PDB file of N, CA and C in Angstrom:
ATOM      1  N   UNK A   1      91.106  64.202 -94.974  1.00  0.00           N
ATOM      2  CA  UNK A   1      92.054  64.955 -95.754  1.00  0.00           C
ATOM      3  C   UNK A   1      93.007  63.954 -96.416  1.00  0.00           C
ATOM      4  N   UNK A   2      93.011  63.853 -97.714  1.00  0.00           N
ATOM      5  CA  UNK A   2      93.873  62.876 -98.393  1.00  0.00           C
ATOM      6  C   UNK A   2      95.338  63.305 -98.354  1.00  0.00           C
ATOM      7  N   UNK A   3      96.205  62.320 -98.429  1.00  0.00           N
ATOM      8  CA  UNK A   3      97.643  62.588 -98.439  1.00  0.00           C
ATOM      9  C   UNK A   3      98.093  62.843 -99.863  1.00  0.00           C
ATOM     10  N   UNK A   4      98.449  64.089-100.137  1.00  0.00           N
ATOM     11  CA  UNK A   4      98.988  64.493-101.434  1.00  0.00           C
ATOM     12  C   UNK A   4     100.282  65.248-101.133  1.00  0.00           C
ATOM     13  N   UNK A   5     101.425  64.609-101.334  1.00  0.00           N
ATOM     14  CA  UNK A   5     102.701  65.221-100.937  1.00  0.00           C
ATOM     15  C   UNK A   5     102.936  66.604-101.520  1.00  0.00           C
ATOM     16  N   UNK A   6     102.560  66.830-102.772  1.00  0.00           N
ATOM     17  CA  UNK A   6     102.793  68.137-103.386  1.00  0.00           C
ATOM     18  C   UNK A   6     101.934  69.229-102.748  1.00  0.00           C
ATOM     19  N   UNK A   7     100.800  68.845-102.166  1.00  0.00           N
ATOM     20  CA  UNK A   7      99.924  69.825-101.529  1.00  0.00           C
ATOM     21  C   UNK A   7     100.407  70.199-100.131  1.00  0.00           C
ATOM     22  N   UNK A   8     101.427  69.504 -99.630  1.00  0.00           N
ATOM     23  CA  UNK A   8     101.927  69.769 -98.281  1.00  0.00           C
ATOM     24  C   UNK A   8     103.279  70.474 -98.320  1.00  0.00           C
ATOM     25  N   UNK A   9     103.451  71.357 -99.263  1.00  0.00           N
ATOM     26  CA  UNK A   9     104.740  72.024 -99.449  1.00  0.00           C
ATOM     27  C   UNK A   9     105.019  73.065 -98.372  1.00  0.00           C
ATOM     28  N   UNK A  10     103.992  73.665 -97.819  1.00  0.00           N
ATOM     29  CA  UNK A  10     104.187  74.727 -96.840  1.00  0.00           C
ATOM     30  C   UNK A  10     103.910  74.213 -95.432  1.00  0.00           C
ATOM     31  N   UNK A  11     104.515  74.866 -94.464  1.00  0.00           N
ATOM     32  CA  UNK A  11     104.367  74.459 -93.069  1.00  0.00           C
ATOM     33  C   UNK A  11     102.934  74.489 -92.582  1.00  0.00           C
ATOM     34  N   UNK A  12     102.171  75.488 -93.006  1.00  0.00           N
ATOM     35  CA  UNK A  12     100.770  75.607 -92.582  1.00  0.00           C
ATOM     36  C   UNK A  12      99.973  74.403 -93.081  1.00  0.00           C
ATOM     37  N   UNK A  13     100.223  73.999 -94.299  1.00  0.00           N
ATOM     38  CA  UNK A  13      99.509  72.850 -94.870  1.00  0.00           C
ATOM     39  C   UNK A  13      99.907  71.555 -94.166  1.00  0.00           C
ATOM     40  N   UNK A  14     101.188  71.407 -93.855  1.00  0.00           N
ATOM     41  CA  UNK A  14     101.639  70.201 -93.149  1.00  0.00           C
ATOM     42  C   UNK A  14     101.037  70.133 -91.751  1.00  0.00           C
ATOM     43  N   UNK A  15     101.015  71.270 -91.036  1.00  0.00           N
ATOM     44  CA  UNK A  15     100.426  71.274 -89.688  1.00  0.00           C
ATOM     45  C   UNK A  15      98.943  70.923 -89.738  1.00  0.00           C
ATOM     46  N   UNK A  16      98.228  71.438 -90.722  1.00  0.00           N
ATOM     47  CA  UNK A  16      96.802  71.118 -90.845  1.00  0.00           C
ATOM     48  C   UNK A  16      96.612  69.631 -91.109  1.00  0.00           C
ATOM     49  N   UNK A  17      97.451  69.063 -91.964  1.00  0.00           N
ATOM     50  CA  UNK A  17      97.354  67.631 -92.266  1.00  0.00           C
ATOM     51  C   UNK A  17      97.666  66.792 -91.031  1.00  0.00           C
ATOM     52  N   UNK A  18      98.739  67.147 -90.305  1.00  0.00           N
ATOM     53  CA  UNK A  18      99.153  66.348 -89.148  1.00  0.00           C
ATOM     54  C   UNK A  18      98.211  66.496 -87.965  1.00  0.00           C
ATOM     55  N   UNK A  19      97.497  67.614 -87.879  1.00  0.00           N
ATOM     56  CA  UNK A  19      96.599  67.820 -86.729  1.00  0.00           C
ATOM     57  C   UNK A  19      95.155  67.447 -87.037  1.00  0.00           C
ATOM     58  N   UNK A  20      94.912  66.859 -88.172  1.00  0.00           N
ATOM     59  CA  UNK A  20      93.569  66.412 -88.536  1.00  0.00           C
ATOM     60  C   UNK A  20      93.079  65.364 -87.546  1.00  0.00           C
ATOM     61  N   UNK A  21      91.953  65.591 -86.845  1.00  0.00           N
ATOM     62  CA  UNK A  21      91.509  64.649 -85.800  1.00  0.00           C
ATOM     63  C   UNK A  21      91.015  63.305 -86.324  1.00  0.00           C
ATOM     64  N   UNK A  22      90.723  63.181 -87.602  1.00  0.00           N
ATOM     65  CA  UNK A  22      90.218  61.907 -88.123  1.00  0.00           C
ATOM     66  C   UNK A  22      91.329  60.930 -88.452  1.00  0.00           C
ATOM     67  N   UNK A  23      92.583  61.365 -88.436  1.00  0.00           N
ATOM     68  CA  UNK A  23      93.697  60.454 -88.718  1.00  0.00           C
ATOM     69  C   UNK A  23      93.894  59.482 -87.561  1.00  0.00           C
ATOM     70  N   UNK A  24      94.205  58.246 -87.886  1.00  0.00           N
ATOM     71  CA  UNK A  24      94.428  57.249 -86.856  1.00  0.00           C
ATOM     72  C   UNK A  24      95.812  57.378 -86.243  1.00  0.00           C
ATOM     73  N   UNK A  25      96.773  57.867 -87.006  1.00  0.00           N
ATOM     74  CA  UNK A  25      98.126  58.028 -86.504  1.00  0.00           C
ATOM     75  C   UNK A  25      98.260  59.389 -85.842  1.00  0.00           C
ATOM     76  N   UNK A  26      98.965  59.397 -84.729  1.00  0.00           N
ATOM     77  CA  UNK A  26      99.229  60.634 -84.015  1.00  0.00           C
ATOM     78  C   UNK A  26     100.739  60.789 -83.925  1.00  0.00           C
ATOM     79  N   UNK A  27     101.242  61.949 -84.296  1.00  0.00           N
ATOM     80  CA  UNK A  27     102.670  62.210 -84.258  1.00  0.00           C
ATOM     81  C   UNK A  27     103.019  62.921 -82.968  1.00  0.00           C
ATOM     82  N   UNK A  28     103.993  62.383 -82.256  1.00  0.00           N
ATOM     83  CA  UNK A  28     104.513  63.011 -81.050  1.00  0.00           C
ATOM     84  C   UNK A  28     105.976  63.322 -81.307  1.00  0.00           C
ATOM     85  N   UNK A  29     106.313  64.577 -81.247  1.00  0.00           N
ATOM     86  CA  UNK A  29     107.689  64.965 -81.480  1.00  0.00           C
ATOM     87  C   UNK A  29     108.416  65.026 -80.149  1.00  0.00           C
ATOM     88  N   UNK A  30     109.432  64.207 -80.010  1.00  0.00           N
ATOM     89  CA  UNK A  30     110.205  64.165 -78.777  1.00  0.00           C
ATOM     90  C   UNK A  30     111.590  64.717 -79.044  1.00  0.00           C
ATOM     91  N   UNK A  31     112.213  65.298 -78.063  1.00  0.00           N
ATOM     92  CA  UNK A  31     113.553  65.843 -78.284  1.00  0.00           C
ATOM     93  C   UNK A  31     114.556  64.725 -78.535  1.00  0.00           C
ATOM     94  N   UNK A  32     115.371  64.902 -79.558  1.00  0.00           N
ATOM     95  CA  UNK A  32     116.339  63.853 -79.871  1.00  0.00           C
ATOM     96  C   UNK A  32     117.529  63.875 -78.928  1.00  0.00           C
ATOM     97  N   UNK A  33     117.627  64.888 -78.102  1.00  0.00           N
ATOM     98  CA  UNK A  33     118.729  64.974 -77.155  1.00  0.00           C
ATOM     99  C   UNK A  33     118.326  64.468 -75.768  1.00  0.00           C
ATOM    100  N   UNK A  34     117.146  63.876 -75.651  1.00  0.00           N
ATOM    101  CA  UNK A  34     116.682  63.403 -74.352  1.00  0.00           C
ATOM    102  C   UNK A  34     117.517  62.246 -73.833  1.00  0.00           C
ATOM    103  N   UNK A  35     117.868  62.296 -72.565  1.00  0.00           N
ATOM    104  CA  UNK A  35     118.714  61.247 -72.000  1.00  0.00           C
ATOM    105  C   UNK A  35     117.991  59.901 -71.939  1.00  0.00           C
ATOM    106  N   UNK A  36     116.664  59.909 -71.933  1.00  0.00           N
ATOM    107  CA  UNK A  36     115.929  58.650 -71.885  1.00  0.00           C
ATOM    108  C   UNK A  36     116.104  57.855 -73.172  1.00  0.00           C
ATOM    109  N   UNK A  37     116.451  58.530 -74.271  1.00  0.00           N
ATOM    110  CA  UNK A  37     116.645  57.810 -75.525  1.00  0.00           C
ATOM    111  C   UNK A  37     117.819  56.845 -75.446  1.00  0.00           C
ATOM    112  N   UNK A  38     118.820  57.181 -74.660  1.00  0.00           N
ATOM    113  CA  UNK A  38     119.970  56.281 -74.514  1.00  0.00           C
ATOM    114  C   UNK A  38     119.539  54.943 -73.936  1.00  0.00           C
ATOM    115  N   UNK A  39     118.667  54.969 -72.944  1.00  0.00           N
ATOM    116  CA  UNK A  39     118.194  53.724 -72.337  1.00  0.00           C
ATOM    117  C   UNK A  39     117.363  52.921 -73.331  1.00  0.00           C
ATOM    118  N   UNK A  40     116.528  53.595 -74.088  1.00  0.00           N
ATOM    119  CA  UNK A  40     115.703  52.917 -75.083  1.00  0.00           C
ATOM    120  C   UNK A  40     116.592  52.296 -76.160  1.00  0.00           C
ATOM    121  N   UNK A  41     117.604  53.031 -76.602  1.00  0.00           N
ATOM    122  CA  UNK A  41     118.510  52.502 -77.621  1.00  0.00           C
ATOM    123  C   UNK A  41     119.283  51.292 -77.103  1.00  0.00           C
ATOM    124  N   UNK A  42     119.675  51.308 -75.843  1.00  0.00           N
ATOM    125  CA  UNK A  42     120.356  50.150 -75.263  1.00  0.00           C
ATOM    126  C   UNK A  42     119.455  48.921 -75.292  1.00  0.00           C
ATOM    127  N   UNK A  43     118.218  49.093 -74.860  1.00  0.00           N
ATOM    128  CA  UNK A  43     117.302  47.958 -74.817  1.00  0.00           C
ATOM    129  C   UNK A  43     116.966  47.467 -76.214  1.00  0.00           C
ATOM    130  N   UNK A  44     116.769  48.366 -77.165  1.00  0.00           N
ATOM    131  CA  UNK A  44     116.472  47.945 -78.531  1.00  0.00           C
ATOM    132  C   UNK A  44     117.652  47.205 -79.159  1.00  0.00           C
ATOM    133  N   UNK A  45     118.880  47.594 -78.809  1.00  0.00           N
ATOM    134  CA  UNK A  45     120.030  46.866 -79.348  1.00  0.00           C
ATOM    135  C   UNK A  45     120.092  45.453 -78.770  1.00  0.00           C
ATOM    136  N   UNK A  46     119.748  45.296 -77.495  1.00  0.00           N
ATOM    137  CA  UNK A  46     119.690  43.958 -76.893  1.00  0.00           C
ATOM    138  C   UNK A  46     118.612  43.128 -77.587  1.00  0.00           C
ATOM    139  N   UNK A  47     117.455  43.719 -77.798  1.00  0.00           N
ATOM    140  CA  UNK A  47     116.364  43.022 -78.478  1.00  0.00           C
ATOM    141  C   UNK A  47     116.786  42.599 -79.885  1.00  0.00           C
ATOM    142  N   UNK A  48     117.432  43.477 -80.616  1.00  0.00           N
ATOM    143  CA  UNK A  48     117.841  43.156 -81.985  1.00  0.00           C
ATOM    144  C   UNK A  48     118.881  42.039 -82.009  1.00  0.00           C
ATOM    145  N   UNK A  49     119.851  42.099 -81.101  1.00  0.00           N
ATOM    146  CA  UNK A  49     120.907  41.078 -81.094  1.00  0.00           C
ATOM    147  C   UNK A  49     120.392  39.721 -80.663  1.00  0.00           C
ATOM    148  N   UNK A  50     119.527  39.684 -79.677  1.00  0.00           N
ATOM    149  CA  UNK A  50     119.105  38.407 -79.107  1.00  0.00           C
ATOM    150  C   UNK A  50     117.899  37.782 -79.786  1.00  0.00           C
ATOM    151  N   UNK A  51     117.064  38.586 -80.411  1.00  0.00           N
ATOM    152  CA  UNK A  51     115.817  38.025 -80.907  1.00  0.00           C
ATOM    153  C   UNK A  51     115.560  38.293 -82.378  1.00  0.00           C
ATOM    154  N   UNK A  52     115.722  39.498 -82.814  1.00  0.00           N
ATOM    155  CA  UNK A  52     115.268  39.855 -84.159  1.00  0.00           C
ATOM    156  C   UNK A  52     116.160  39.338 -85.274  1.00  0.00           C
ATOM    157  N   UNK A  53     117.444  39.129 -85.025  1.00  0.00           N
ATOM    158  CA  UNK A  53     118.343  38.725 -86.101  1.00  0.00           C
ATOM    159  C   UNK A  53     118.312  37.231 -86.386  1.00  0.00           C
ATOM    160  N   UNK A  54     117.634  36.472 -85.578  1.00  0.00           N
ATOM    161  CA  UNK A  54     117.717  35.015 -85.721  1.00  0.00           C
ATOM    162  C   UNK A  54     116.587  34.378 -86.507  1.00  0.00           C
ATOM    163  N   UNK A  55     115.539  35.080 -86.817  1.00  0.00           N
ATOM    164  CA  UNK A  55     114.420  34.359 -87.389  1.00  0.00           C
ATOM    165  C   UNK A  55     113.819  34.992 -88.609  1.00  0.00           C
ATOM    166  N   UNK A  56     113.290  34.135 -89.432  1.00  0.00           N
ATOM    167  CA  UNK A  56     112.461  34.556 -90.549  1.00  0.00           C
ATOM    168  C   UNK A  56     111.051  34.117 -90.214  1.00  0.00           C
ATOM    169  N   UNK A  57     110.203  35.075 -90.018  1.00  0.00           N
ATOM    170  CA  UNK A  57     108.835  34.759 -89.637  1.00  0.00           C
ATOM    171  C   UNK A  57     107.953  34.713 -90.868  1.00  0.00           C
ATOM    172  N   UNK A  58     107.099  33.709 -90.919  1.00  0.00           N
ATOM    173  CA  UNK A  58     106.224  33.529 -92.068  1.00  0.00           C
ATOM    174  C   UNK A  58     105.055  34.511 -92.057  1.00  0.00           C
ATOM    175  N   UNK A  59     104.699  35.010 -90.875  1.00  0.00           N
ATOM    176  CA  UNK A  59     103.559  35.917 -90.796  1.00  0.00           C
ATOM    177  C   UNK A  59     103.746  36.874 -89.624  1.00  0.00           C
ATOM    178  N   UNK A  60     102.902  37.874 -89.589  1.00  0.00           N
ATOM    179  CA  UNK A  60     102.942  38.833 -88.487  1.00  0.00           C
ATOM    180  C   UNK A  60     102.582  38.148 -87.171  1.00  0.00           C
ATOM    181  N   UNK A  61     101.697  37.180 -87.227  1.00  0.00           N
ATOM    182  CA  UNK A  61     101.313  36.453 -86.016  1.00  0.00           C
ATOM    183  C   UNK A  61     102.502  35.663 -85.458  1.00  0.00           C
ATOM    184  N   UNK A  62     103.280  35.039 -86.337  1.00  0.00           N
ATOM    185  CA  UNK A  62     104.478  34.308 -85.890  1.00  0.00           C
ATOM    186  C   UNK A  62     105.468  35.249 -85.223  1.00  0.00           C
ATOM    187  N   UNK A  63     105.660  36.416 -85.832  1.00  0.00           N
ATOM    188  CA  UNK A  63     106.564  37.398 -85.244  1.00  0.00           C
ATOM    189  C   UNK A  63     106.063  37.854 -83.879  1.00  0.00           C
ATOM    190  N   UNK A  64     104.764  38.131 -83.791  1.00  0.00           N
ATOM    191  CA  UNK A  64     104.182  38.570 -82.523  1.00  0.00           C
ATOM    192  C   UNK A  64     104.351  37.502 -81.450  1.00  0.00           C
ATOM    193  N   UNK A  65     104.134  36.257 -81.807  1.00  0.00           N
ATOM    194  CA  UNK A  65     104.299  35.151 -80.861  1.00  0.00           C
ATOM    195  C   UNK A  65     105.742  35.046 -80.391  1.00  0.00           C
ATOM    196  N   UNK A  66     106.688  35.110 -81.341  1.00  0.00           N
ATOM    197  CA  UNK A  66     108.102  35.001 -80.988  1.00  0.00           C
ATOM    198  C   UNK A  66     108.557  36.179 -80.126  1.00  0.00           C
ATOM    199  N   UNK A  67     108.077  37.383 -80.452  1.00  0.00           N
ATOM    200  CA  UNK A  67     108.427  38.562 -79.655  1.00  0.00           C
ATOM    201  C   UNK A  67     107.844  38.464 -78.251  1.00  0.00           C
ATOM    202  N   UNK A  68     106.616  38.026 -78.138  1.00  0.00           N
ATOM    203  CA  UNK A  68     105.994  37.867 -76.811  1.00  0.00           C
ATOM    204  C   UNK A  68     106.737  36.843 -75.970  1.00  0.00           C
ATOM    205  N   UNK A  69     107.152  35.752 -76.589  1.00  0.00           N
ATOM    206  CA  UNK A  69     107.913  34.736 -75.856  1.00  0.00           C
ATOM    207  C   UNK A  69     109.259  35.291 -75.399  1.00  0.00           C
ATOM    208  N   UNK A  70     109.919  36.047 -76.266  1.00  0.00           N
ATOM    209  CA  UNK A  70     111.202  36.642 -75.879  1.00  0.00           C
ATOM    210  C   UNK A  70     111.021  37.616 -74.714  1.00  0.00           C
ATOM    211  N   UNK A  71     109.998  38.454 -74.778  1.00  0.00           N
ATOM    212  CA  UNK A  71     109.767  39.424 -73.703  1.00  0.00           C
ATOM    213  C   UNK A  71     109.461  38.727 -72.384  1.00  0.00           C
ATOM    214  N   UNK A  72     108.740  37.617 -72.455  1.00  0.00           N
ATOM    215  CA  UNK A  72     108.447  36.845 -71.239  1.00  0.00           C
ATOM    216  C   UNK A  72     109.740  36.317 -70.618  1.00  0.00           C
ATOM    217  N   UNK A  73     110.613  35.769 -71.445  1.00  0.00           N
ATOM    218  CA  UNK A  73     111.891  35.238 -70.954  1.00  0.00           C
ATOM    219  C   UNK A  73     112.782  36.370 -70.460  1.00  0.00           C
ATOM    220  N   UNK A  74     112.832  37.467 -71.199  1.00  0.00           N
ATOM    221  CA  UNK A  74     113.699  38.593 -70.824  1.00  0.00           C
ATOM    222  C   UNK A  74     113.254  39.223 -69.503  1.00  0.00           C
ATOM    223  N   UNK A  75     111.964  39.420 -69.338  1.00  0.00           N
ATOM    224  CA  UNK A  75     111.461  40.117 -68.147  1.00  0.00           C
ATOM    225  C   UNK A  75     111.584  39.286 -66.881  1.00  0.00           C
ATOM    226  N   UNK A  76     111.652  37.977 -66.989  1.00  0.00           N
ATOM    227  CA  UNK A  76     111.727  37.143 -65.798  1.00  0.00           C
ATOM    228  C   UNK A  76     113.112  37.166 -65.158  1.00  0.00           C
ATOM    229  N   UNK A  77     114.164  36.619 -65.795  1.00  0.00           N
ATOM    230  CA  UNK A  77     115.455  36.625 -65.095  1.00  0.00           C
ATOM    231  C   UNK A  77     116.425  37.718 -65.541  1.00  0.00           C
ATOM    232  N   UNK A  78     116.216  38.306 -66.727  1.00  0.00           N
ATOM    233  CA  UNK A  78     117.246  39.176 -67.285  1.00  0.00           C
ATOM    234  C   UNK A  78     117.009  40.674 -67.115  1.00  0.00           C
ATOM    235  N   UNK A  79     115.817  41.088 -66.829  1.00  0.00           N
ATOM    236  CA  UNK A  79     115.526  42.519 -66.751  1.00  0.00           C
ATOM    237  C   UNK A  79     116.285  43.168 -65.595  1.00  0.00           C
ATOM    238  N   UNK A  80     116.886  44.297 -65.875  1.00  0.00           N
ATOM    239  CA  UNK A  80     117.620  45.033 -64.856  1.00  0.00           C
ATOM    240  C   UNK A  80     117.733  46.489 -65.290  1.00  0.00           C
ATOM    241  N   UNK A  81     117.892  47.379 -64.323  1.00  0.00           N
ATOM    242  CA  UNK A  81     118.086  48.776 -64.709  1.00  0.00           C
ATOM    243  C   UNK A  81     119.489  48.977 -65.301  1.00  0.00           C
ATOM    244  N   UNK A  82     119.579  49.836 -66.285  1.00  0.00           N
ATOM    245  CA  UNK A  82     120.868  50.136 -66.885  1.00  0.00           C
ATOM    246  C   UNK A  82     121.592  51.173 -66.036  1.00  0.00           C
ATOM    247  N   UNK A  83     122.879  51.000 -65.896  1.00  0.00           N
ATOM    248  CA  UNK A  83     123.682  51.939 -65.104  1.00  0.00           C
ATOM    249  C   UNK A  83     124.215  53.054 -65.996  1.00  0.00           C
ATOM    250  N   UNK A  84     124.078  54.276 -65.510  1.00  0.00           N
ATOM    251  CA  UNK A  84     124.630  55.435 -66.216  1.00  0.00           C
ATOM    252  C   UNK A  84     126.088  55.583 -65.819  1.00  0.00           C
ATOM    253  N   UNK A  85     126.924  55.780 -66.802  1.00  0.00           N
ATOM    254  CA  UNK A  85     128.333  56.015 -66.506  1.00  0.00           C
ATOM    255  C   UNK A  85     128.789  57.329 -67.132  1.00  0.00           C
TER     256      UNK A  85
END
């Protein structure tokens, strides 16, 4: 089923497009009020401050390598559960 934005004007058409089994992408709708999102947002902010803002990567492979190295360092001495207050 090709992606034609004008053909997806109605909800029925959008649901048919999103539920097409041949698509490689799968959409999972999660509640935006879930308390687990707070923990994910905390960790992503740490990742952005410590790793993502410092480098210009020449390729996707360089980025993947740098991210893997950061995760290795983070998971060894720095990983800890976040406290709810």
